[in-house]
Amino acid sequence: MSYEPKLAAALSGATLRQLSHWRRASGPKGAVLVPEISTERPILYSFREVSHSASVCSCAKRLRCRRSAAL
């Protein structure tokens, strides 16, 4: 099953901009999330990638909450 970016963003809790940023290979370690179904337009994400994005978003939200509570 494949998902268009708009639906993948809604399901994962990430924004379209976050998905796009994670797809780019900038930085020393490369891309965080490379779509395995299609790397060129139209971009399609697999269920595995959507669930991975949801995990990353969940962890990031928890970190933000902890940091704000510590201040």
PDB file of N, CA and C in Angstrom:
ATOM      1  N   MET A   1       0.840  -1.165   0.000  1.00  0.00           N
ATOM      2  CA  MET A   1       0.000   0.000   0.000  1.00  0.00           C
ATOM      3  C   MET A   1       0.891   1.236   0.000  1.00  0.00           C
ATOM      4  N   SER A   2       0.489   2.245  -0.729  1.00  0.00           N
ATOM      5  CA  SER A   2       1.276   3.472  -0.802  1.00  0.00           C
ATOM      6  C   SER A   2       0.400   4.675  -0.484  1.00  0.00           C
ATOM      7  N   TYR A   3       1.049   5.715   0.029  1.00  0.00           N
ATOM      8  CA  TYR A   3       0.347   6.918   0.459  1.00  0.00           C
ATOM      9  C   TYR A   3       0.974   8.146  -0.176  1.00  0.00           C
ATOM     10  N   GLU A   4       0.130   9.063  -0.617  1.00  0.00           N
ATOM     11  CA  GLU A   4       0.615  10.339  -1.122  1.00  0.00           C
ATOM     12  C   GLU A   4       1.098  11.168   0.070  1.00  0.00           C
ATOM     13  N   PRO A   5       1.969  12.146  -0.164  1.00  0.00           N
ATOM     14  CA  PRO A   5       2.534  12.921   0.932  1.00  0.00           C
ATOM     15  C   PRO A   5       1.499  13.555   1.870  1.00  0.00           C
ATOM     16  N   LYS A   6       0.411  14.062   1.325  1.00  0.00           N
ATOM     17  CA  LYS A   6      -0.595  14.719   2.154  1.00  0.00           C
ATOM     18  C   LYS A   6      -1.210  13.739   3.158  1.00  0.00           C
ATOM     19  N   LEU A   7      -1.547  12.551   2.693  1.00  0.00           N
ATOM     20  CA  LEU A   7      -2.127  11.537   3.565  1.00  0.00           C
ATOM     21  C   LEU A   7      -1.075  10.983   4.526  1.00  0.00           C
ATOM     22  N   ALA A   8       0.140  10.784   4.044  1.00  0.00           N
ATOM     23  CA  ALA A   8       1.231  10.301   4.902  1.00  0.00           C
ATOM     24  C   ALA A   8       1.493  11.279   6.037  1.00  0.00           C
ATOM     25  N   ALA A   9       1.444  12.565   5.746  1.00  0.00           N
ATOM     26  CA  ALA A   9       1.645  13.582   6.772  1.00  0.00           C
ATOM     27  C   ALA A   9       0.522  13.535   7.805  1.00  0.00           C
ATOM     28  N   ALA A  10      -0.701  13.411   7.339  1.00  0.00           N
ATOM     29  CA  ALA A  10      -1.843  13.361   8.261  1.00  0.00           C
ATOM     30  C   ALA A  10      -1.782  12.119   9.149  1.00  0.00           C
ATOM     31  N   LEU A  11      -1.409  10.990   8.590  1.00  0.00           N
ATOM     32  CA  LEU A  11      -1.353   9.747   9.355  1.00  0.00           C
ATOM     33  C   LEU A  11      -0.199   9.728  10.351  1.00  0.00           C
ATOM     34  N   SER A  12       0.909  10.333   9.995  1.00  0.00           N
ATOM     35  CA  SER A  12       2.101  10.268  10.842  1.00  0.00           C
ATOM     36  C   SER A  12       2.190  11.386  11.877  1.00  0.00           C
ATOM     37  N   GLY A  13       1.494  12.485  11.618  1.00  0.00           N
ATOM     38  CA  GLY A  13       1.606  13.630  12.518  1.00  0.00           C
ATOM     39  C   GLY A  13       2.704  14.589  12.100  1.00  0.00           C
ATOM     40  N   ALA A  14       3.399  14.271  11.042  1.00  0.00           N
ATOM     41  CA  ALA A  14       4.440  15.152  10.506  1.00  0.00           C
ATOM     42  C   ALA A  14       3.795  16.150   9.545  1.00  0.00           C
ATOM     43  N   THR A  15       4.501  17.224   9.283  1.00  0.00           N
ATOM     44  CA  THR A  15       4.015  18.172   8.287  1.00  0.00           C
ATOM     45  C   THR A  15       4.584  17.782   6.920  1.00  0.00           C
ATOM     46  N   LEU A  16       3.993  18.317   5.872  1.00  0.00           N
ATOM     47  CA  LEU A  16       4.522  18.066   4.524  1.00  0.00           C
ATOM     48  C   LEU A  16       5.958  18.568   4.425  1.00  0.00           C
ATOM     49  N   ARG A  17       6.232  19.675   5.075  1.00  0.00           N
ATOM     50  CA  ARG A  17       7.580  20.251   5.060  1.00  0.00           C
ATOM     51  C   ARG A  17       8.584  19.332   5.766  1.00  0.00           C
ATOM     52  N   GLN A  18       8.166  18.722   6.882  1.00  0.00           N
ATOM     53  CA  GLN A  18       9.050  17.792   7.590  1.00  0.00           C
ATOM     54  C   GLN A  18       9.357  16.581   6.710  1.00  0.00           C
ATOM     55  N   LEU A  19       8.332  16.022   6.072  1.00  0.00           N
ATOM     56  CA  LEU A  19       8.557  14.867   5.195  1.00  0.00           C
ATOM     57  C   LEU A  19       9.521  15.222   4.075  1.00  0.00           C
ATOM     58  N   SER A  20       9.344  16.404   3.508  1.00  0.00           N
ATOM     59  CA  SER A  20      10.228  16.854   2.432  1.00  0.00           C
ATOM     60  C   SER A  20      11.658  17.029   2.943  1.00  0.00           C
ATOM     61  N   HIS A  21      11.800  17.606   4.119  1.00  0.00           N
ATOM     62  CA  HIS A  21      13.132  17.822   4.701  1.00  0.00           C
ATOM     63  C   HIS A  21      13.820  16.486   4.993  1.00  0.00           C
ATOM     64  N   TRP A  22      13.099  15.544   5.555  1.00  0.00           N
ATOM     65  CA  TRP A  22      13.672  14.233   5.881  1.00  0.00           C
ATOM     66  C   TRP A  22      14.064  13.460   4.629  1.00  0.00           C
ATOM     67  N   ARG A  23      13.418  13.766   3.507  1.00  0.00           N
ATOM     68  CA  ARG A  23      13.688  13.078   2.243  1.00  0.00           C
ATOM     69  C   ARG A  23      14.976  13.577   1.590  1.00  0.00           C
ATOM     70  N   ARG A  24      15.353  14.831   1.880  1.00  0.00           N
ATOM     71  CA  ARG A  24      16.555  15.409   1.273  1.00  0.00           C
ATOM     72  C   ARG A  24      17.821  14.842   1.908  1.00  0.00           C
ATOM     73  N   ALA A  25      18.858  14.694   1.131  1.00  0.00           N
ATOM     74  CA  ALA A  25      20.115  14.096   1.603  1.00  0.00           C
ATOM     75  C   ALA A  25      21.102  15.161   2.058  1.00  0.00           C
ATOM     76  N   SER A  26      20.634  16.176   2.756  1.00  0.00           N
ATOM     77  CA  SER A  26      21.552  17.208   3.240  1.00  0.00           C
ATOM     78  C   SER A  26      22.088  16.802   4.606  1.00  0.00           C
ATOM     79  N   GLY A  27      23.238  17.295   4.923  1.00  0.00           N
ATOM     80  CA  GLY A  27      23.845  16.959   6.206  1.00  0.00           C
ATOM     81  C   GLY A  27      24.822  15.817   6.080  1.00  0.00           C
ATOM     82  N   PRO A  28      25.584  15.568   7.133  1.00  0.00           N
ATOM     83  CA  PRO A  28      26.644  14.557   7.082  1.00  0.00           C
ATOM     84  C   PRO A  28      26.142  13.121   7.004  1.00  0.00           C
ATOM     85  N   LYS A  29      24.939  12.862   7.497  1.00  0.00           N
ATOM     86  CA  LYS A  29      24.453  11.482   7.536  1.00  0.00           C
ATOM     87  C   LYS A  29      23.472  11.153   6.418  1.00  0.00           C
ATOM     88  N   GLY A  30      23.137  12.107   5.591  1.00  0.00           N
ATOM     89  CA  GLY A  30      22.228  11.852   4.482  1.00  0.00           C
ATOM     90  C   GLY A  30      20.764  11.960   4.875  1.00  0.00           C
ATOM     91  N   ALA A  31      19.903  11.453   4.012  1.00  0.00           N
ATOM     92  CA  ALA A  31      18.463  11.549   4.211  1.00  0.00           C
ATOM     93  C   ALA A  31      18.008  10.669   5.369  1.00  0.00           C
ATOM     94  N   VAL A  32      17.022  11.146   6.101  1.00  0.00           N
ATOM     95  CA  VAL A  32      16.447  10.401   7.217  1.00  0.00           C
ATOM     96  C   VAL A  32      15.416   9.401   6.716  1.00  0.00           C
ATOM     97  N   LEU A  33      14.642   9.814   5.720  1.00  0.00           N
ATOM     98  CA  LEU A  33      13.536   8.996   5.230  1.00  0.00           C
ATOM     99  C   LEU A  33      13.512   9.024   3.704  1.00  0.00           C
ATOM    100  N   VAL A  34      13.950   7.957   3.078  1.00  0.00           N
ATOM    101  CA  VAL A  34      13.942   7.863   1.620  1.00  0.00           C
ATOM    102  C   VAL A  34      12.787   6.954   1.213  1.00  0.00           C
ATOM    103  N   PRO A  35      11.824   7.476   0.470  1.00  0.00           N
ATOM    104  CA  PRO A  35      10.694   6.646   0.065  1.00  0.00           C
ATOM    105  C   PRO A  35      11.160   5.431  -0.736  1.00  0.00           C
ATOM    106  N   GLU A  36      10.766   4.243  -0.299  1.00  0.00           N
ATOM    107  CA  GLU A  36      11.203   3.033  -0.986  1.00  0.00           C
ATOM    108  C   GLU A  36      10.369   2.732  -2.218  1.00  0.00           C
ATOM    109  N   ILE A  37       9.181   3.299  -2.302  1.00  0.00           N
ATOM    110  CA  ILE A  37       8.313   3.033  -3.452  1.00  0.00           C
ATOM    111  C   ILE A  37       8.682   3.916  -4.632  1.00  0.00           C
ATOM    112  N   SER A  38       8.860   5.220  -4.375  1.00  0.00           N
ATOM    113  CA  SER A  38       9.227   6.137  -5.462  1.00  0.00           C
ATOM    114  C   SER A  38      10.078   7.269  -4.911  1.00  0.00           C
ATOM    115  N   THR A  39      11.232   7.448  -5.477  1.00  0.00           N
ATOM    116  CA  THR A  39      12.107   8.538  -5.048  1.00  0.00           C
ATOM    117  C   THR A  39      11.922   9.773  -5.924  1.00  0.00           C
ATOM    118  N   GLU A  40      11.267   9.614  -7.052  1.00  0.00           N
ATOM    119  CA  GLU A  40      10.980  10.743  -7.936  1.00  0.00           C
ATOM    120  C   GLU A  40       9.477  11.006  -7.916  1.00  0.00           C
ATOM    121  N   ARG A  41       9.100  12.122  -8.456  1.00  0.00           N
ATOM    122  CA  ARG A  41       7.677  12.476  -8.453  1.00  0.00           C
ATOM    123  C   ARG A  41       6.872  11.517  -9.306  1.00  0.00           C
ATOM    124  N   PRO A  42       5.697  11.140  -8.912  1.00  0.00           N
ATOM    125  CA  PRO A  42       5.036  11.488  -7.661  1.00  0.00           C
ATOM    126  C   PRO A  42       5.624  10.689  -6.494  1.00  0.00           C
ATOM    127  N   ILE A  43       5.879  11.374  -5.406  1.00  0.00           N
ATOM    128  CA  ILE A  43       6.426  10.742  -4.211  1.00  0.00           C
ATOM    129  C   ILE A  43       5.324   9.917  -3.545  1.00  0.00           C
ATOM    130  N   LEU A  44       5.643   8.681  -3.221  1.00  0.00           N
ATOM    131  CA  LEU A  44       4.706   7.805  -2.517  1.00  0.00           C
ATOM    132  C   LEU A  44       5.432   7.175  -1.339  1.00  0.00           C
ATOM    133  N   TYR A  45       4.769   7.120  -0.190  1.00  0.00           N
ATOM    134  CA  TYR A  45       5.344   6.543   1.012  1.00  0.00           C
ATOM    135  C   TYR A  45       4.680   5.207   1.327  1.00  0.00           C
ATOM    136  N   SER A  46       5.466   4.263   1.827  1.00  0.00           N
ATOM    137  CA  SER A  46       4.936   2.964   2.218  1.00  0.00           C
ATOM    138  C   SER A  46       4.398   3.044   3.649  1.00  0.00           C
ATOM    139  N   PHE A  47       3.689   2.008   4.063  1.00  0.00           N
ATOM    140  CA  PHE A  47       3.186   1.942   5.431  1.00  0.00           C
ATOM    141  C   PHE A  47       4.337   1.995   6.427  1.00  0.00           C
ATOM    142  N   ARG A  48       5.411   1.318   6.111  1.00  0.00           N
ATOM    143  CA  ARG A  48       6.585   1.307   6.988  1.00  0.00           C
ATOM    144  C   ARG A  48       7.136   2.720   7.184  1.00  0.00           C
ATOM    145  N   GLU A  49       7.194   3.492   6.123  1.00  0.00           N
ATOM    146  CA  GLU A  49       7.712   4.859   6.213  1.00  0.00           C
ATOM    147  C   GLU A  49       6.770   5.770   6.993  1.00  0.00           C
ATOM    148  N   VAL A  50       5.473   5.562   6.819  1.00  0.00           N
ATOM    149  CA  VAL A  50       4.499   6.355   7.569  1.00  0.00           C
ATOM    150  C   VAL A  50       4.611   6.048   9.058  1.00  0.00           C
ATOM    151  N   SER A  51       4.748   4.772   9.406  1.00  0.00           N
ATOM    152  CA  SER A  51       4.867   4.422  10.820  1.00  0.00           C
ATOM    153  C   SER A  51       6.199   4.911  11.391  1.00  0.00           C
ATOM    154  N   HIS A  52       7.262   4.895  10.588  1.00  0.00           N
ATOM    155  CA  HIS A  52       8.558   5.430  11.024  1.00  0.00           C
ATOM    156  C   HIS A  52       8.436   6.926  11.293  1.00  0.00           C
ATOM    157  N   SER A  53       7.758   7.643  10.421  1.00  0.00           N
ATOM    158  CA  SER A  53       7.563   9.084  10.595  1.00  0.00           C
ATOM    159  C   SER A  53       6.768   9.368  11.865  1.00  0.00           C
ATOM    160  N   ALA A  54       5.763   8.556  12.137  1.00  0.00           N
ATOM    161  CA  ALA A  54       4.952   8.733  13.348  1.00  0.00           C
ATOM    162  C   ALA A  54       5.810   8.538  14.594  1.00  0.00           C
ATOM    163  N   SER A  55       6.705   7.565  14.558  1.00  0.00           N
ATOM    164  CA  SER A  55       7.593   7.325  15.704  1.00  0.00           C
ATOM    165  C   SER A  55       8.532   8.505  15.928  1.00  0.00           C
ATOM    166  N   VAL A  56       9.086   9.019  14.863  1.00  0.00           N
ATOM    167  CA  VAL A  56       9.996  10.165  14.964  1.00  0.00           C
ATOM    168  C   VAL A  56       9.250  11.384  15.514  1.00  0.00           C
ATOM    169  N   CYS A  57       8.046  11.622  15.030  1.00  0.00           N
ATOM    170  CA  CYS A  57       7.263  12.769  15.512  1.00  0.00           C
ATOM    171  C   CYS A  57       6.910  12.609  16.982  1.00  0.00           C
ATOM    172  N   SER A  58       6.552  11.415  17.370  1.00  0.00           N
ATOM    173  CA  SER A  58       6.196  11.145  18.763  1.00  0.00           C
ATOM    174  C   SER A  58       7.391  11.390  19.687  1.00  0.00           C
ATOM    175  N   CYS A  59       8.555  10.908  19.297  1.00  0.00           N
ATOM    176  CA  CYS A  59       9.771  11.121  20.100  1.00  0.00           C
ATOM    177  C   CYS A  59      10.123  12.600  20.181  1.00  0.00           C
ATOM    178  N   ALA A  60      10.007  13.307  19.077  1.00  0.00           N
ATOM    179  CA  ALA A  60      10.330  14.735  19.052  1.00  0.00           C
ATOM    180  C   ALA A  60       9.388  15.510  19.962  1.00  0.00           C
ATOM    181  N   LYS A  61       8.109  15.165  19.960  1.00  0.00           N
ATOM    182  CA  LYS A  61       7.150  15.857  20.831  1.00  0.00           C
ATOM    183  C   LYS A  61       7.476  15.612  22.294  1.00  0.00           C
ATOM    184  N   ARG A  62       7.848  14.376  22.637  1.00  0.00           N
ATOM    185  CA  ARG A  62       8.198  14.067  24.025  1.00  0.00           C
ATOM    186  C   ARG A  62       9.435  14.840  24.468  1.00  0.00           C
ATOM    187  N   LEU A  63      10.420  14.940  23.584  1.00  0.00           N
ATOM    188  CA  LEU A  63      11.636  15.689  23.910  1.00  0.00           C
ATOM    189  C   LEU A  63      11.328  17.164  24.151  1.00  0.00           C
ATOM    190  N   ARG A  64      10.473  17.723  23.310  1.00  0.00           N
ATOM    191  CA  ARG A  64      10.100  19.127  23.480  1.00  0.00           C
ATOM    192  C   ARG A  64       9.399  19.355  24.806  1.00  0.00           C
ATOM    193  N   CYS A  65       8.521  18.416  25.187  1.00  0.00           N
ATOM    194  CA  CYS A  65       7.814  18.532  26.467  1.00  0.00           C
ATOM    195  C   CYS A  65       8.781  18.456  27.638  1.00  0.00           C
ATOM    196  N   ARG A  66       9.735  17.557  27.565  1.00  0.00           N
ATOM    197  CA  ARG A  66      10.717  17.413  28.648  1.00  0.00           C
ATOM    198  C   ARG A  66      11.592  18.649  28.769  1.00  0.00           C
ATOM    199  N   ARG A  67      11.996  19.192  27.638  1.00  0.00           N
ATOM    200  CA  ARG A  67      12.861  20.369  27.666  1.00  0.00           C
ATOM    201  C   ARG A  67      12.118  21.572  28.244  1.00  0.00           C
ATOM    202  N   SER A  68      10.850  21.739  27.873  1.00  0.00           N
ATOM    203  CA  SER A  68      10.095  22.875  28.392  1.00  0.00           C
ATOM    204  C   SER A  68       9.782  22.696  29.875  1.00  0.00           C
ATOM    205  N   ALA A  69       9.602  21.455  30.337  1.00  0.00           N
ATOM    206  CA  ALA A  69       9.348  21.200  31.758  1.00  0.00           C
ATOM    207  C   ALA A  69      10.596  21.456  32.587  1.00  0.00           C
ATOM    208  N   ALA A  70      11.768  21.234  32.014  1.00  0.00           N
ATOM    209  CA  ALA A  70      13.026  21.428  32.730  1.00  0.00           C
ATOM    210  C   ALA A  70      13.366  22.893  32.906  1.00  0.00           C
ATOM    211  N   LEU A  71      12.802  23.738  32.038  1.00  0.00           N
ATOM    212  CA  LEU A  71      13.090  25.179  32.131  1.00  0.00           C
ATOM    213  C   LEU A  71      12.292  25.767  33.204  1.00  0.00           C
TER     214      LEU A  71
END
